[in-house]
């Protein structure tokens, strides 16, 4: 009888812990299966804008941004095509890819890119 009581206590404790951690994860904005982004849900877009490369003190590329004609700023994901975009610093490009939002910022995963002839005002 004592072992059954122990099992019930352990079961209740594990159940309560599971419910509490689920609630805490949801409140913290954790990705849950309902919120998970699927590839099918990602929309392909084309953005025309000016490339801005951020570098560290040693000149290494730390990031690439694309400032669109409409003023929207996209952080470029540093996949191979995103890294290649870094060599077009201060040029106007037309980039096609998918956009996700991370930490309140738009992140562009570049699928293709080309330099275009039109010029845009300097980046801020």
PDB file of N, CA and C in Angstrom:
ATOM      1  N   UNK A   1       0.817  -1.194   0.000  1.00  0.00           N
ATOM      2  CA  UNK A   1       0.000   0.000   0.000  1.00  0.00           C
ATOM      3  C   UNK A   1       0.862   1.259   0.000  1.00  0.00           C
ATOM      4  N   UNK A   2       1.995   1.187   0.728  1.00  0.00           N
ATOM      5  CA  UNK A   2       2.882   2.336   0.812  1.00  0.00           C
ATOM      6  C   UNK A   2       3.488   2.655  -0.549  1.00  0.00           C
ATOM      7  N   UNK A   3       3.806   1.635  -1.351  1.00  0.00           N
ATOM      8  CA  UNK A   3       4.396   1.857  -2.669  1.00  0.00           C
ATOM      9  C   UNK A   3       3.379   2.472  -3.631  1.00  0.00           C
ATOM     10  N   UNK A   4       2.117   2.140  -3.501  1.00  0.00           N
ATOM     11  CA  UNK A   4       1.075   2.733  -4.350  1.00  0.00           C
ATOM     12  C   UNK A   4       0.939   4.218  -4.027  1.00  0.00           C
ATOM     13  N   UNK A   5       0.970   4.581  -2.758  1.00  0.00           N
ATOM     14  CA  UNK A   5       0.901   5.983  -2.367  1.00  0.00           C
ATOM     15  C   UNK A   5       2.106   6.744  -2.917  1.00  0.00           C
ATOM     16  N   UNK A   6       3.277   6.126  -2.858  1.00  0.00           N
ATOM     17  CA  UNK A   6       4.485   6.765  -3.385  1.00  0.00           C
ATOM     18  C   UNK A   6       4.358   6.983  -4.883  1.00  0.00           C
ATOM     19  N   UNK A   7       3.847   6.010  -5.607  1.00  0.00           N
ATOM     20  CA  UNK A   7       3.658   6.136  -7.052  1.00  0.00           C
ATOM     21  C   UNK A   7       2.669   7.246  -7.389  1.00  0.00           C
ATOM     22  N   UNK A   8       1.604   7.347  -6.635  1.00  0.00           N
ATOM     23  CA  UNK A   8       0.609   8.390  -6.863  1.00  0.00           C
ATOM     24  C   UNK A   8       1.226   9.759  -6.613  1.00  0.00           C
ATOM     25  N   UNK A   9       1.999   9.908  -5.568  1.00  0.00           N
ATOM     26  CA  UNK A   9       2.644  11.188  -5.254  1.00  0.00           C
ATOM     27  C   UNK A   9       3.609  11.571  -6.382  1.00  0.00           C
ATOM     28  N   UNK A  10       4.414  10.619  -6.846  1.00  0.00           N
ATOM     29  CA  UNK A  10       5.358  10.888  -7.932  1.00  0.00           C
ATOM     30  C   UNK A  10       4.593  11.258  -9.204  1.00  0.00           C
ATOM     31  N   UNK A  11       3.541  10.533  -9.526  1.00  0.00           N
ATOM     32  CA  UNK A  11       2.744  10.812 -10.726  1.00  0.00           C
ATOM     33  C   UNK A  11       2.153  12.223 -10.666  1.00  0.00           C
ATOM     34  N   UNK A  12       1.596  12.601  -9.544  1.00  0.00           N
ATOM     35  CA  UNK A  12       1.006  13.932  -9.390  1.00  0.00           C
ATOM     36  C   UNK A  12       2.089  15.001  -9.515  1.00  0.00           C
ATOM     37  N   UNK A  13       3.241  14.785  -8.901  1.00  0.00           N
ATOM     38  CA  UNK A  13       4.329  15.771  -8.967  1.00  0.00           C
ATOM     39  C   UNK A  13       4.802  15.953 -10.405  1.00  0.00           C
ATOM     40  N   UNK A  14       4.989  14.870 -11.143  1.00  0.00           N
ATOM     41  CA  UNK A  14       5.434  14.955 -12.538  1.00  0.00           C
ATOM     42  C   UNK A  14       4.373  15.640 -13.395  1.00  0.00           C
ATOM     43  N   UNK A  15       3.115  15.344 -13.177  1.00  0.00           N
ATOM     44  CA  UNK A  15       2.030  15.973 -13.943  1.00  0.00           C
ATOM     45  C   UNK A  15       1.982  17.474 -13.699  1.00  0.00           C
ATOM     46  N   UNK A  16       2.095  17.885 -12.457  1.00  0.00           N
ATOM     47  CA  UNK A  16       2.074  19.313 -12.116  1.00  0.00           C
ATOM     48  C   UNK A  16       3.285  20.007 -12.734  1.00  0.00           C
ATOM     49  N   UNK A  17       4.463  19.405 -12.630  1.00  0.00           N
ATOM     50  CA  UNK A  17       5.671  19.989 -13.213  1.00  0.00           C
ATOM     51  C   UNK A  17       5.513  20.157 -14.731  1.00  0.00           C
ATOM     52  N   UNK A  18       4.951  19.156 -15.397  1.00  0.00           N
ATOM     53  CA  UNK A  18       4.738  19.230 -16.846  1.00  0.00           C
ATOM     54  C   UNK A  18       3.792  20.355 -17.224  1.00  0.00           C
ATOM     55  N   UNK A  19       2.713  20.524 -16.473  1.00  0.00           N
ATOM     56  CA  UNK A  19       1.754  21.590 -16.783  1.00  0.00           C
ATOM     57  C   UNK A  19       2.372  22.963 -16.538  1.00  0.00           C
ATOM     58  N   UNK A  20       3.102  23.115 -15.436  1.00  0.00           N
ATOM     59  CA  UNK A  20       3.714  24.401 -15.104  1.00  0.00           C
ATOM     60  C   UNK A  20       4.749  24.770 -16.157  1.00  0.00           C
ATOM     61  N   UNK A  21       5.588  23.821 -16.561  1.00  0.00           N
ATOM     62  CA  UNK A  21       6.608  24.160 -17.566  1.00  0.00           C
ATOM     63  C   UNK A  21       5.982  24.462 -18.916  1.00  0.00           C
ATOM     64  N   UNK A  22       4.875  23.839 -19.273  1.00  0.00           N
ATOM     65  CA  UNK A  22       4.189  24.157 -20.536  1.00  0.00           C
ATOM     66  C   UNK A  22       3.659  25.587 -20.512  1.00  0.00           C
ATOM     67  N   UNK A  23       3.076  25.979 -19.393  1.00  0.00           N
ATOM     68  CA  UNK A  23       2.546  27.333 -19.254  1.00  0.00           C
ATOM     69  C   UNK A  23       3.677  28.350 -19.301  1.00  0.00           C
ATOM     70  N   UNK A  24       4.778  28.066 -18.621  1.00  0.00           N
ATOM     71  CA  UNK A  24       5.906  28.996 -18.609  1.00  0.00           C
ATOM     72  C   UNK A  24       6.512  29.130 -20.007  1.00  0.00           C
ATOM     73  N   UNK A  25       6.613  28.040 -20.738  1.00  0.00           N
ATOM     74  CA  UNK A  25       7.164  28.095 -22.098  1.00  0.00           C
ATOM     75  C   UNK A  25       6.256  28.903 -23.007  1.00  0.00           C
ATOM     76  N   UNK A  26       4.958  28.740 -22.875  1.00  0.00           N
ATOM     77  CA  UNK A  26       4.019  29.495 -23.707  1.00  0.00           C
ATOM     78  C   UNK A  26       4.099  30.985 -23.399  1.00  0.00           C
ATOM     79  N   UNK A  27       4.225  31.326 -22.112  1.00  0.00           N
ATOM     80  CA  UNK A  27       4.323  32.732 -21.729  1.00  0.00           C
ATOM     81  C   UNK A  27       5.623  33.355 -22.212  1.00  0.00           C
ATOM     82  N   UNK A  28       6.687  32.571 -22.309  1.00  0.00           N
ATOM     83  CA  UNK A  28       7.986  33.078 -22.736  1.00  0.00           C
ATOM     84  C   UNK A  28       8.084  33.185 -24.259  1.00  0.00           C
ATOM     85  N   UNK A  29       7.036  32.765 -24.960  1.00  0.00           N
ATOM     86  CA  UNK A  29       7.037  32.882 -26.418  1.00  0.00           C
ATOM     87  C   UNK A  29       7.804  31.764 -27.093  1.00  0.00           C
ATOM     88  N   UNK A  30       7.959  30.646 -26.416  1.00  0.00           N
ATOM     89  CA  UNK A  30       8.674  29.521 -27.008  1.00  0.00           C
ATOM     90  C   UNK A  30       7.911  29.020 -28.227  1.00  0.00           C
ATOM     91  N   UNK A  31       8.647  28.437 -29.149  1.00  0.00           N
ATOM     92  CA  UNK A  31       8.014  27.889 -30.348  1.00  0.00           C
ATOM     93  C   UNK A  31       7.338  26.589 -29.960  1.00  0.00           C
ATOM     94  N   UNK A  32       6.051  26.561 -30.129  1.00  0.00           N
ATOM     95  CA  UNK A  32       5.280  25.363 -29.863  1.00  0.00           C
ATOM     96  C   UNK A  32       4.862  24.772 -31.199  1.00  0.00           C
ATOM     97  N   UNK A  33       4.428  23.530 -31.222  1.00  0.00           N
ATOM     98  CA  UNK A  33       4.031  22.949 -32.507  1.00  0.00           C
ATOM     99  C   UNK A  33       2.997  23.787 -33.256  1.00  0.00           C
ATOM    100  N   UNK A  34       2.127  24.482 -32.534  1.00  0.00           N
ATOM    101  CA  UNK A  34       1.119  25.309 -33.190  1.00  0.00           C
ATOM    102  C   UNK A  34       1.738  26.546 -33.839  1.00  0.00           C
ATOM    103  N   UNK A  35       2.859  27.064 -33.269  1.00  0.00           N
ATOM    104  CA  UNK A  35       3.490  28.281 -33.759  1.00  0.00           C
ATOM    105  C   UNK A  35       4.606  28.005 -34.766  1.00  0.00           C
ATOM    106  N   UNK A  36       4.998  26.745 -34.883  1.00  0.00           N
ATOM    107  CA  UNK A  36       6.139  26.412 -35.726  1.00  0.00           C
ATOM    108  C   UNK A  36       5.864  26.823 -37.174  1.00  0.00           C
ATOM    109  N   UNK A  37       6.857  27.460 -37.807  1.00  0.00           N
ATOM    110  CA  UNK A  37       6.710  27.905 -39.185  1.00  0.00           C
ATOM    111  C   UNK A  37       7.115  26.767 -40.099  1.00  0.00           C
ATOM    112  N   UNK A  38       6.251  26.449 -41.035  1.00  0.00           N
ATOM    113  CA  UNK A  38       6.586  25.401 -41.989  1.00  0.00           C
ATOM    114  C   UNK A  38       7.049  26.043 -43.285  1.00  0.00           C
ATOM    115  N   UNK A  39       7.813  25.299 -44.064  1.00  0.00           N
ATOM    116  CA  UNK A  39       8.306  25.840 -45.324  1.00  0.00           C
ATOM    117  C   UNK A  39       7.156  26.222 -46.246  1.00  0.00           C
ATOM    118  N   UNK A  40       6.064  25.483 -46.174  1.00  0.00           N
ATOM    119  CA  UNK A  40       4.921  25.791 -47.033  1.00  0.00           C
ATOM    120  C   UNK A  40       4.303  27.134 -46.673  1.00  0.00           C
ATOM    121  N   UNK A  41       4.451  27.565 -45.399  1.00  0.00           N
ATOM    122  CA  UNK A  41       3.848  28.817 -44.956  1.00  0.00           C
ATOM    123  C   UNK A  41       4.687  30.032 -45.338  1.00  0.00           C
ATOM    124  N   UNK A  42       5.954  29.815 -45.723  1.00  0.00           N
ATOM    125  CA  UNK A  42       6.822  30.926 -46.071  1.00  0.00           C
ATOM    126  C   UNK A  42       6.514  31.408 -47.481  1.00  0.00           C
ATOM    127  N   UNK A  43       6.374  32.708 -47.609  1.00  0.00           N
ATOM    128  CA  UNK A  43       6.067  33.309 -48.899  1.00  0.00           C
ATOM    129  C   UNK A  43       7.348  33.840 -49.521  1.00  0.00           C
ATOM    130  N   UNK A  44       7.539  33.578 -50.808  1.00  0.00           N
ATOM    131  CA  UNK A  44       8.698  34.093 -51.514  1.00  0.00           C
ATOM    132  C   UNK A  44       8.406  35.517 -51.960  1.00  0.00           C
ATOM    133  N   UNK A  45       9.349  36.432 -51.665  1.00  0.00           N
ATOM    134  CA  UNK A  45       9.186  37.833 -52.054  1.00  0.00           C
ATOM    135  C   UNK A  45      10.434  38.298 -52.797  1.00  0.00           C
ATOM    136  N   UNK A  46      10.299  39.419 -53.498  1.00  0.00           N
ATOM    137  CA  UNK A  46      11.436  40.064 -54.140  1.00  0.00           C
ATOM    138  C   UNK A  46      11.546  41.470 -53.571  1.00  0.00           C
ATOM    139  N   UNK A  47      12.746  41.827 -53.100  1.00  0.00           N
ATOM    140  CA  UNK A  47      12.994  43.113 -52.467  1.00  0.00           C
ATOM    141  C   UNK A  47      14.081  43.845 -53.249  1.00  0.00           C
ATOM    142  N   UNK A  48      13.826  45.108 -53.584  1.00  0.00           N
ATOM    143  CA  UNK A  48      14.854  45.949 -54.202  1.00  0.00           C
ATOM    144  C   UNK A  48      15.335  46.913 -53.142  1.00  0.00           C
ATOM    145  N   UNK A  49      16.651  46.956 -52.951  1.00  0.00           N
ATOM    146  CA  UNK A  49      17.181  47.837 -51.926  1.00  0.00           C
ATOM    147  C   UNK A  49      18.689  47.919 -51.951  1.00  0.00           C
ATOM    148  N   UNK A  50      19.213  48.679 -50.997  1.00  0.00           N
ATOM    149  CA  UNK A  50      20.654  48.923 -50.908  1.00  0.00           C
ATOM    150  C   UNK A  50      21.267  47.996 -49.873  1.00  0.00           C
ATOM    151  N   UNK A  51      22.423  47.418 -50.235  1.00  0.00           N
ATOM    152  CA  UNK A  51      23.139  46.490 -49.360  1.00  0.00           C
ATOM    153  C   UNK A  51      24.035  47.265 -48.405  1.00  0.00           C
ATOM    154  N   UNK A  52      23.993  46.886 -47.132  1.00  0.00           N
ATOM    155  CA  UNK A  52      24.877  47.469 -46.122  1.00  0.00           C
ATOM    156  C   UNK A  52      25.560  46.322 -45.384  1.00  0.00           C
ATOM    157  N   UNK A  53      26.894  46.323 -45.409  1.00  0.00           N
ATOM    158  CA  UNK A  53      27.672  45.268 -44.759  1.00  0.00           C
ATOM    159  C   UNK A  53      28.224  45.791 -43.439  1.00  0.00           C
ATOM    160  N   UNK A  54      28.019  45.034 -42.368  1.00  0.00           N
ATOM    161  CA  UNK A  54      28.579  45.373 -41.062  1.00  0.00           C
ATOM    162  C   UNK A  54      29.836  44.536 -40.861  1.00  0.00           C
ATOM    163  N   UNK A  55      30.901  45.190 -40.357  1.00  0.00           N
ATOM    164  CA  UNK A  55      32.173  44.504 -40.145  1.00  0.00           C
ATOM    165  C   UNK A  55      32.668  44.732 -38.729  1.00  0.00           C
ATOM    166  N   UNK A  56      33.479  43.786 -38.240  1.00  0.00           N
ATOM    167  CA  UNK A  56      34.096  43.952 -36.931  1.00  0.00           C
ATOM    168  C   UNK A  56      35.383  44.764 -37.064  1.00  0.00           C
ATOM    169  N   UNK A  57      36.077  44.963 -35.966  1.00  0.00           N
ATOM    170  CA  UNK A  57      37.287  45.800 -35.959  1.00  0.00           C
ATOM    171  C   UNK A  57      38.387  45.258 -36.879  1.00  0.00           C
ATOM    172  N   UNK A  58      38.380  43.958 -37.125  1.00  0.00           N
ATOM    173  CA  UNK A  58      39.396  43.351 -37.986  1.00  0.00           C
ATOM    174  C   UNK A  58      38.969  43.294 -39.451  1.00  0.00           C
ATOM    175  N   UNK A  59      37.784  43.818 -39.752  1.00  0.00           N
ATOM    176  CA  UNK A  59      37.303  43.837 -41.124  1.00  0.00           C
ATOM    177  C   UNK A  59      36.504  42.612 -41.532  1.00  0.00           C
ATOM    178  N   UNK A  60      36.252  41.723 -40.604  1.00  0.00           N
ATOM    179  CA  UNK A  60      35.448  40.535 -40.894  1.00  0.00           C
ATOM    180  C   UNK A  60      33.970  40.882 -40.960  1.00  0.00           C
ATOM    181  N   UNK A  61      33.262  40.300 -41.899  1.00  0.00           N
ATOM    182  CA  UNK A  61      31.829  40.560 -42.060  1.00  0.00           C
ATOM    183  C   UNK A  61      31.074  39.929 -40.896  1.00  0.00           C
ATOM    184  N   UNK A  62      30.292  40.761 -40.200  1.00  0.00           N
ATOM    185  CA  UNK A  62      29.488  40.282 -39.084  1.00  0.00           C
ATOM    186  C   UNK A  62      28.006  40.213 -39.433  1.00  0.00           C
ATOM    187  N   UNK A  63      27.614  40.880 -40.511  1.00  0.00           N
ATOM    188  CA  UNK A  63      26.219  40.856 -40.910  1.00  0.00           C
ATOM    189  C   UNK A  63      25.995  41.652 -42.175  1.00  0.00           C
ATOM    190  N   UNK A  64      24.850  41.372 -42.810  1.00  0.00           N
ATOM    191  CA  UNK A  64      24.462  42.076 -44.023  1.00  0.00           C
ATOM    192  C   UNK A  64      23.013  42.499 -43.861  1.00  0.00           C
ATOM    193  N   UNK A  65      22.726  43.759 -44.189  1.00  0.00           N
ATOM    194  CA  UNK A  65      21.353  44.279 -44.178  1.00  0.00           C
ATOM    195  C   UNK A  65      20.984  44.705 -45.583  1.00  0.00           C
ATOM    196  N   UNK A  66      19.694  44.657 -45.858  1.00  0.00           N
ATOM    197  CA  UNK A  66      19.167  45.158 -47.114  1.00  0.00           C
ATOM    198  C   UNK A  66      18.089  46.176 -46.762  1.00  0.00           C
ATOM    199  N   UNK A  67      18.321  47.456 -47.127  1.00  0.00           N
ATOM    200  CA  UNK A  67      17.343  48.512 -46.871  1.00  0.00           C
ATOM    201  C   UNK A  67      16.524  48.691 -48.138  1.00  0.00           C
ATOM    202  N   UNK A  68      15.254  48.328 -48.076  1.00  0.00           N
ATOM    203  CA  UNK A  68      14.375  48.340 -49.235  1.00  0.00           C
ATOM    204  C   UNK A  68      13.976  49.757 -49.630  1.00  0.00           C
ATOM    205  N   UNK A  69      13.467  49.874 -50.839  1.00  0.00           N
ATOM    206  CA  UNK A  69      13.006  51.157 -51.371  1.00  0.00           C
ATOM    207  C   UNK A  69      11.961  51.784 -50.445  1.00  0.00           C
ATOM    208  N   UNK A  70      11.101  50.946 -49.841  1.00  0.00           N
ATOM    209  CA  UNK A  70      10.046  51.464 -48.963  1.00  0.00           C
ATOM    210  C   UNK A  70      10.538  51.766 -47.543  1.00  0.00           C
ATOM    211  N   UNK A  71      11.851  51.580 -47.293  1.00  0.00           N
ATOM    212  CA  UNK A  71      12.423  51.880 -45.987  1.00  0.00           C
ATOM    213  C   UNK A  71      12.517  50.693 -45.050  1.00  0.00           C
ATOM    214  N   UNK A  72      11.896  49.579 -45.411  1.00  0.00           N
ATOM    215  CA  UNK A  72      11.971  48.384 -44.568  1.00  0.00           C
ATOM    216  C   UNK A  72      13.405  47.860 -44.560  1.00  0.00           C
ATOM    217  N   UNK A  73      13.858  47.396 -43.391  1.00  0.00           N
ATOM    218  CA  UNK A  73      15.211  46.867 -43.264  1.00  0.00           C
ATOM    219  C   UNK A  73      15.127  45.361 -43.023  1.00  0.00           C
ATOM    220  N   UNK A  74      15.878  44.617 -43.810  1.00  0.00           N
ATOM    221  CA  UNK A  74      15.921  43.163 -43.711  1.00  0.00           C
ATOM    222  C   UNK A  74      17.321  42.737 -43.284  1.00  0.00           C
ATOM    223  N   UNK A  75      17.398  41.936 -42.235  1.00  0.00           N
ATOM    224  CA  UNK A  75      18.652  41.303 -41.868  1.00  0.00           C
ATOM    225  C   UNK A  75      18.811  40.120 -42.827  1.00  0.00           C
ATOM    226  N   UNK A  76      19.945  39.994 -43.455  1.00  0.00           N
ATOM    227  CA  UNK A  76      20.150  38.907 -44.410  1.00  0.00           C
ATOM    228  C   UNK A  76      20.720  37.707 -43.665  1.00  0.00           C
ATOM    229  N   UNK A  77      20.063  36.563 -43.835  1.00  0.00           N
ATOM    230  CA  UNK A  77      20.552  35.331 -43.228  1.00  0.00           C
ATOM    231  C   UNK A  77      21.871  34.964 -43.898  1.00  0.00           C
ATOM    232  N   UNK A  78      22.849  34.589 -43.113  1.00  0.00           N
ATOM    233  CA  UNK A  78      24.183  34.364 -43.637  1.00  0.00           C
ATOM    234  C   UNK A  78      24.371  32.934 -44.164  1.00  0.00           C
ATOM    235  N   UNK A  79      23.470  32.528 -45.059  1.00  0.00           N
ATOM    236  CA  UNK A  79      23.666  31.290 -45.797  1.00  0.00           C
ATOM    237  C   UNK A  79      24.624  31.617 -46.953  1.00  0.00           C
ATOM    238  N   UNK A  80      25.038  30.672 -47.782  1.00  0.00           N
ATOM    239  CA  UNK A  80      25.998  30.983 -48.845  1.00  0.00           C
ATOM    240  C   UNK A  80      25.575  32.143 -49.758  1.00  0.00           C
ATOM    241  N   UNK A  81      24.296  32.215 -50.133  1.00  0.00           N
ATOM    242  CA  UNK A  81      23.844  33.307 -51.008  1.00  0.00           C
ATOM    243  C   UNK A  81      23.774  34.630 -50.249  1.00  0.00           C
ATOM    244  N   UNK A  82      23.472  34.590 -48.966  1.00  0.00           N
ATOM    245  CA  UNK A  82      23.473  35.803 -48.152  1.00  0.00           C
ATOM    246  C   UNK A  82      24.879  36.346 -47.973  1.00  0.00           C
ATOM    247  N   UNK A  83      25.844  35.434 -47.779  1.00  0.00           N
ATOM    248  CA  UNK A  83      27.243  35.849 -47.655  1.00  0.00           C
ATOM    249  C   UNK A  83      27.730  36.463 -48.963  1.00  0.00           C
ATOM    250  N   UNK A  84      27.325  35.879 -50.085  1.00  0.00           N
ATOM    251  CA  UNK A  84      27.735  36.406 -51.396  1.00  0.00           C
ATOM    252  C   UNK A  84      27.195  37.814 -51.606  1.00  0.00           C
ATOM    253  N   UNK A  85      26.035  38.104 -51.036  1.00  0.00           N
ATOM    254  CA  UNK A  85      25.448  39.441 -51.154  1.00  0.00           C
ATOM    255  C   UNK A  85      26.342  40.494 -50.491  1.00  0.00           C
ATOM    256  N   UNK A  86      27.142  40.087 -49.510  1.00  0.00           N
ATOM    257  CA  UNK A  86      28.033  40.998 -48.807  1.00  0.00           C
ATOM    258  C   UNK A  86      29.050  41.675 -49.704  1.00  0.00           C
ATOM    259  N   UNK A  87      29.379  41.091 -50.828  1.00  0.00           N
ATOM    260  CA  UNK A  87      30.361  41.720 -51.729  1.00  0.00           C
ATOM    261  C   UNK A  87      29.741  42.858 -52.545  1.00  0.00           C
ATOM    262  N   UNK A  88      28.426  43.052 -52.421  1.00  0.00           N
ATOM    263  CA  UNK A  88      27.738  44.124 -53.150  1.00  0.00           C
ATOM    264  C   UNK A  88      27.437  45.315 -52.242  1.00  0.00           C
ATOM    265  N   UNK A  89      28.321  45.581 -51.274  1.00  0.00           N
ATOM    266  CA  UNK A  89      28.141  46.685 -50.318  1.00  0.00           C
ATOM    267  C   UNK A  89      27.861  48.004 -51.039  1.00  0.00           C
ATOM    268  N   UNK A  90      26.832  48.705 -50.567  1.00  0.00           N
ATOM    269  CA  UNK A  90      26.394  50.005 -51.092  1.00  0.00           C
ATOM    270  C   UNK A  90      25.834  49.946 -52.517  1.00  0.00           C
ATOM    271  N   UNK A  91      25.617  48.748 -53.038  1.00  0.00           N
ATOM    272  CA  UNK A  91      25.000  48.625 -54.363  1.00  0.00           C
ATOM    273  C   UNK A  91      23.508  48.368 -54.194  1.00  0.00           C
ATOM    274  N   UNK A  92      22.765  48.705 -55.236  1.00  0.00           N
ATOM    275  CA  UNK A  92      21.335  48.429 -55.242  1.00  0.00           C
ATOM    276  C   UNK A  92      21.136  47.065 -55.878  1.00  0.00           C
ATOM    277  N   UNK A  93      20.406  46.214 -55.173  1.00  0.00           N
ATOM    278  CA  UNK A  93      20.192  44.852 -55.646  1.00  0.00           C
ATOM    279  C   UNK A  93      18.713  44.504 -55.629  1.00  0.00           C
ATOM    280  N   UNK A  94      18.405  43.463 -56.348  1.00  0.00           N
ATOM    281  CA  UNK A  94      17.064  42.876 -56.310  1.00  0.00           C
ATOM    282  C   UNK A  94      17.255  41.463 -55.771  1.00  0.00           C
ATOM    283  N   UNK A  95      16.759  41.216 -54.565  1.00  0.00           N
ATOM    284  CA  UNK A  95      16.942  39.926 -53.900  1.00  0.00           C
ATOM    285  C   UNK A  95      15.600  39.219 -53.780  1.00  0.00           C
ATOM    286  N   UNK A  96      15.611  37.937 -54.078  1.00  0.00           N
ATOM    287  CA  UNK A  96      14.416  37.110 -53.941  1.00  0.00           C
ATOM    288  C   UNK A  96      14.696  36.068 -52.874  1.00  0.00           C
ATOM    289  N   UNK A  97      13.714  35.882 -51.987  1.00  0.00           N
ATOM    290  CA  UNK A  97      13.874  34.900 -50.924  1.00  0.00           C
ATOM    291  C   UNK A  97      12.650  34.854 -50.033  1.00  0.00           C
ATOM    292  N   UNK A  98      12.812  34.233 -48.884  1.00  0.00           N
ATOM    293  CA  UNK A  98      11.714  34.125 -47.928  1.00  0.00           C
ATOM    294  C   UNK A  98      12.026  34.971 -46.700  1.00  0.00           C
ATOM    295  N   UNK A  99      10.980  35.492 -46.084  1.00  0.00           N
ATOM    296  CA  UNK A  99      11.137  36.364 -44.917  1.00  0.00           C
ATOM    297  C   UNK A  99      10.487  35.715 -43.702  1.00  0.00           C
ATOM    298  N   UNK A 100      11.230  35.742 -42.598  1.00  0.00           N
ATOM    299  CA  UNK A 100      10.686  35.345 -41.310  1.00  0.00           C
ATOM    300  C   UNK A 100      10.942  36.497 -40.352  1.00  0.00           C
ATOM    301  N   UNK A 101      10.309  36.452 -39.202  1.00  0.00           N
ATOM    302  CA  UNK A 101      10.534  37.497 -38.212  1.00  0.00           C
ATOM    303  C   UNK A 101      11.160  36.862 -36.985  1.00  0.00           C
ATOM    304  N   UNK A 102      12.293  37.437 -36.559  1.00  0.00           N
ATOM    305  CA  UNK A 102      12.987  36.933 -35.371  1.00  0.00           C
ATOM    306  C   UNK A 102      13.350  38.121 -34.497  1.00  0.00           C
ATOM    307  N   UNK A 103      12.901  38.104 -33.268  1.00  0.00           N
ATOM    308  CA  UNK A 103      13.211  39.187 -32.345  1.00  0.00           C
ATOM    309  C   UNK A 103      12.717  40.533 -32.823  1.00  0.00           C
ATOM    310  N   UNK A 104      11.601  40.550 -33.552  1.00  0.00           N
ATOM    311  CA  UNK A 104      11.037  41.800 -34.051  1.00  0.00           C
ATOM    312  C   UNK A 104      11.709  42.327 -35.309  1.00  0.00           C
ATOM    313  N   UNK A 105      12.648  41.561 -35.870  1.00  0.00           N
ATOM    314  CA  UNK A 105      13.340  41.991 -37.086  1.00  0.00           C
ATOM    315  C   UNK A 105      12.994  41.059 -38.242  1.00  0.00           C
ATOM    316  N   UNK A 106      12.940  41.632 -39.429  1.00  0.00           N
ATOM    317  CA  UNK A 106      12.686  40.839 -40.630  1.00  0.00           C
ATOM    318  C   UNK A 106      13.996  40.201 -41.065  1.00  0.00           C
ATOM    319  N   UNK A 107      13.965  38.892 -41.288  1.00  0.00           N
ATOM    320  CA  UNK A 107      15.154  38.159 -41.711  1.00  0.00           C
ATOM    321  C   UNK A 107      14.886  37.586 -43.102  1.00  0.00           C
ATOM    322  N   UNK A 108      15.742  37.941 -44.047  1.00  0.00           N
ATOM    323  CA  UNK A 108      15.602  37.502 -45.440  1.00  0.00           C
ATOM    324  C   UNK A 108      16.566  36.370 -45.722  1.00  0.00           C
ATOM    325  N   UNK A 109      16.035  35.241 -46.146  1.00  0.00           N
ATOM    326  CA  UNK A 109      16.870  34.118 -46.602  1.00  0.00           C
ATOM    327  C   UNK A 109      16.928  34.218 -48.115  1.00  0.00           C
ATOM    328  N   UNK A 110      18.067  34.654 -48.632  1.00  0.00           N
ATOM    329  CA  UNK A 110      18.225  34.938 -50.055  1.00  0.00           C
ATOM    330  C   UNK A 110      18.301  33.639 -50.855  1.00  0.00           C
ATOM    331  N   UNK A 111      17.478  33.583 -51.918  1.00  0.00           N
ATOM    332  CA  UNK A 111      17.527  32.450 -52.847  1.00  0.00           C
ATOM    333  C   UNK A 111      18.227  32.860 -54.134  1.00  0.00           C
ATOM    334  N   UNK A 112      18.027  34.128 -54.539  1.00  0.00           N
ATOM    335  CA  UNK A 112      18.711  34.648 -55.726  1.00  0.00           C
ATOM    336  C   UNK A 112      18.839  36.156 -55.573  1.00  0.00           C
ATOM    337  N   UNK A 113      19.832  36.713 -56.276  1.00  0.00           N
ATOM    338  CA  UNK A 113      20.100  38.134 -56.150  1.00  0.00           C
ATOM    339  C   UNK A 113      20.824  38.634 -57.384  1.00  0.00           C
ATOM    340  N   UNK A 114      20.519  39.892 -57.769  1.00  0.00           N
ATOM    341  CA  UNK A 114      21.251  40.515 -58.868  1.00  0.00           C
ATOM    342  C   UNK A 114      21.357  42.009 -58.613  1.00  0.00           C
ATOM    343  N   UNK A 115      22.456  42.592 -59.088  1.00  0.00           N
ATOM    344  CA  UNK A 115      22.655  44.033 -58.974  1.00  0.00           C
ATOM    345  C   UNK A 115      21.786  44.692 -60.035  1.00  0.00           C
ATOM    346  N   UNK A 116      21.104  45.778 -59.646  1.00  0.00           N
ATOM    347  CA  UNK A 116      20.263  46.508 -60.593  1.00  0.00           C
ATOM    348  C   UNK A 116      20.857  47.885 -60.846  1.00  0.00           C
ATOM    349  N   UNK A 117      20.464  48.492 -61.931  1.00  0.00           N
ATOM    350  CA  UNK A 117      21.047  49.763 -62.370  1.00  0.00           C
ATOM    351  C   UNK A 117      20.561  50.979 -61.581  1.00  0.00           C
ATOM    352  N   UNK A 118      19.321  50.954 -61.094  1.00  0.00           N
ATOM    353  CA  UNK A 118      18.798  52.138 -60.422  1.00  0.00           C
ATOM    354  C   UNK A 118      19.595  52.411 -59.152  1.00  0.00           C
ATOM    355  N   UNK A 119      19.714  53.664 -58.790  1.00  0.00           N
ATOM    356  CA  UNK A 119      20.464  54.017 -57.587  1.00  0.00           C
ATOM    357  C   UNK A 119      19.505  54.520 -56.530  1.00  0.00           C
ATOM    358  N   UNK A 120      19.817  54.241 -55.306  1.00  0.00           N
ATOM    359  CA  UNK A 120      19.022  54.671 -54.169  1.00  0.00           C
ATOM    360  C   UNK A 120      19.847  55.634 -53.342  1.00  0.00           C
ATOM    361  N   UNK A 121      19.206  56.472 -52.539  1.00  0.00           N
ATOM    362  CA  UNK A 121      19.960  57.363 -51.657  1.00  0.00           C
ATOM    363  C   UNK A 121      20.820  56.546 -50.685  1.00  0.00           C
ATOM    364  N   UNK A 122      21.887  57.129 -50.146  1.00  0.00           N
ATOM    365  CA  UNK A 122      22.762  56.422 -49.208  1.00  0.00           C
ATOM    366  C   UNK A 122      21.987  55.887 -48.011  1.00  0.00           C
ATOM    367  N   UNK A 123      22.424  54.738 -47.461  1.00  0.00           N
ATOM    368  CA  UNK A 123      21.825  54.154 -46.262  1.00  0.00           C
ATOM    369  C   UNK A 123      22.060  55.067 -45.083  1.00  0.00           C
ATOM    370  N   UNK A 124      21.140  55.023 -44.116  1.00  0.00           N
ATOM    371  CA  UNK A 124      21.274  55.855 -42.908  1.00  0.00           C
ATOM    372  C   UNK A 124      22.174  55.200 -41.913  1.00  0.00           C
TER     373      UNK A 124
END
